[in-house]
Protein backbone atom coordinates (compact mmCIF):
# COMPACT_ATOMS: atom_id res chain seq x y z
CA MET A 1 46.85 44.85 -19.85
CA ASN A 2 48.98 42.53 -21.95
CA ASP A 3 48.00 42.02 -25.61
CA LYS A 4 49.19 38.43 -25.51
CA LEU A 5 46.36 35.93 -25.04
CA LYS A 6 46.74 33.59 -22.07
CA VAL A 7 44.33 30.69 -21.60
CA LEU A 8 43.78 28.45 -18.60
CA VAL A 9 41.44 25.45 -18.65
CA ARG A 10 39.88 24.11 -15.46
CA LEU A 11 38.03 20.79 -15.69
CA ASP A 12 35.55 19.17 -13.35
CA LEU A 13 34.57 16.04 -15.23
CA ASP A 14 32.53 14.73 -12.29
CA CYS A 15 30.29 17.80 -12.48
CA GLY A 16 30.47 17.92 -16.27
CA GLU A 17 31.89 21.43 -16.47
CA ALA A 18 34.97 23.04 -17.93
CA GLU A 19 36.08 26.65 -17.63
CA VAL A 20 38.21 28.19 -20.35
CA ALA A 21 39.55 31.43 -18.85
CA ALA A 22 41.26 33.93 -21.12
CA GLN A 23 43.34 36.97 -20.21
CA GLY A 24 44.94 39.52 -22.48
CA HIS A 25 43.45 40.91 -25.67
CA VAL A 26 40.71 38.90 -27.40
CA THR A 27 40.38 39.94 -31.03
CA ALA A 28 38.57 38.28 -33.93
CA LYS A 29 41.93 36.78 -34.91
CA SER A 30 42.99 35.56 -31.45
CA LEU A 31 39.47 34.21 -30.88
CA GLN A 32 40.26 31.47 -33.40
CA ALA A 33 42.96 30.12 -31.07
CA LEU A 34 40.53 30.29 -28.14
CA TYR A 35 37.98 28.32 -30.17
CA VAL A 36 40.54 25.55 -30.71
CA VAL A 37 41.00 25.23 -26.93
CA VAL A 38 37.21 25.21 -26.42
CA LYS A 39 36.85 22.52 -29.09
CA ARG A 40 39.43 20.30 -27.37
CA ALA A 41 37.74 20.77 -24.00
CA ASN A 42 34.34 20.02 -25.54
CA HIS A 43 35.55 16.64 -26.80
CA LEU A 44 36.70 15.47 -23.36
CA LYS A 45 33.22 14.40 -22.28
CA GLU A 46 29.85 14.32 -24.02
CA GLY A 47 27.42 16.93 -22.71
CA LEU A 48 30.13 18.99 -21.03
CA HIS A 49 29.08 22.52 -20.08
CA LEU A 50 31.76 25.01 -21.11
CA VAL A 51 32.20 28.38 -19.45
CA VAL A 52 34.28 30.77 -21.54
CA ASP A 53 35.48 33.35 -19.04
CA VAL A 54 36.77 36.50 -20.71
CA SER A 55 35.89 38.68 -17.71
CA HIS A 56 39.57 39.50 -17.12
CA ALA A 57 40.39 40.15 -20.77
CA ARG A 58 40.07 43.11 -23.11
CA VAL A 59 37.55 41.88 -25.66
CA GLU A 60 36.85 43.58 -28.97
CA PRO A 61 33.12 43.95 -29.68
CA ALA A 62 33.32 41.81 -32.84
CA ALA A 63 34.92 38.98 -30.86
CA MET A 64 32.22 39.22 -28.17
CA GLU A 65 29.53 39.06 -30.84
CA GLN A 66 31.11 35.89 -32.23
CA LEU A 67 31.26 34.31 -28.76
CA GLN A 68 27.61 35.17 -28.15
CA ALA A 69 26.63 33.67 -31.51
CA CYS A 70 28.39 30.40 -30.61
CA SER A 71 26.64 30.37 -27.26
CA GLU A 72 23.25 30.87 -28.89
CA SER A 73 23.79 28.33 -31.67
CA HIS A 74 25.50 25.72 -29.44
CA HIS A 75 28.16 25.29 -32.13
CA LEU A 76 31.65 26.56 -32.83
CA PRO A 77 32.36 28.09 -36.25
CA ALA A 78 32.45 25.52 -39.06
CA SER A 79 36.04 26.52 -39.83
CA ILE A 80 37.01 25.29 -36.34
CA ASP A 81 34.62 22.35 -36.04
CA PRO A 82 33.56 21.11 -39.49
CA LEU A 83 31.47 18.32 -37.90
CA GLN A 84 29.48 20.95 -35.94
CA SER A 85 29.42 19.01 -32.67
CA GLU A 86 27.01 20.23 -29.99
CA CYS A 87 28.84 22.73 -27.76
CA ASN A 88 27.10 24.10 -24.66
CA ILE A 89 28.85 27.41 -23.98
CA SER A 90 28.24 30.17 -21.44
CA VAL A 91 30.21 33.39 -21.77
CA LEU A 92 31.36 35.47 -18.81
CA ALA A 93 31.94 38.95 -20.19
CA PRO A 94 34.11 41.76 -18.85
CA ALA A 95 32.21 44.16 -16.56
CA ASP A 96 32.19 46.86 -19.24
CA LEU A 97 30.47 44.49 -21.70
CA ALA A 98 28.10 42.77 -19.24
CA PRO A 99 24.37 43.50 -19.50
CA ALA A 100 23.41 46.64 -17.57
CA SER A 101 20.74 44.87 -15.53
CA GLY A 102 22.19 42.19 -13.39
CA PRO A 103 24.85 41.52 -10.79
CA ARG A 104 28.48 42.05 -11.66
CA SER A 105 29.67 38.77 -10.29
CA ARG A 106 30.41 35.28 -11.48
CA ASN A 107 26.72 35.08 -12.44
CA ARG A 108 27.04 37.53 -15.32
CA ALA A 109 26.93 34.85 -17.98
CA LEU A 110 25.54 36.38 -21.13
CA THR A 111 23.91 33.20 -22.38
CA LEU A 112 23.38 29.92 -20.62
CA ALA A 113 22.95 26.76 -22.61
CA ALA A 114 19.78 24.86 -21.87
């Protein structure tokens, strides 16, 4: 797997959803760049549901913890978004980091925003 981070954004503004799919190696450092993309997508439409798909990436545990924390708090880190705009994020984890109980499919979101 390539260490370089590649990001693809898919938008469905009619349905109010955006998918930010990352491939490569997600580290605590490269996660900052991913957050910037998520922030830009979040500002396209109010109330947008964001799916951060890292299921095809190699994700360091510290980076996954940070993603989960953003999903639970509904905010990006203050260093990325000083205004702390509401950000409804679901995280699709790699199979080796997905919860043990549950299907290993597109439905393996770790946290869904209410």
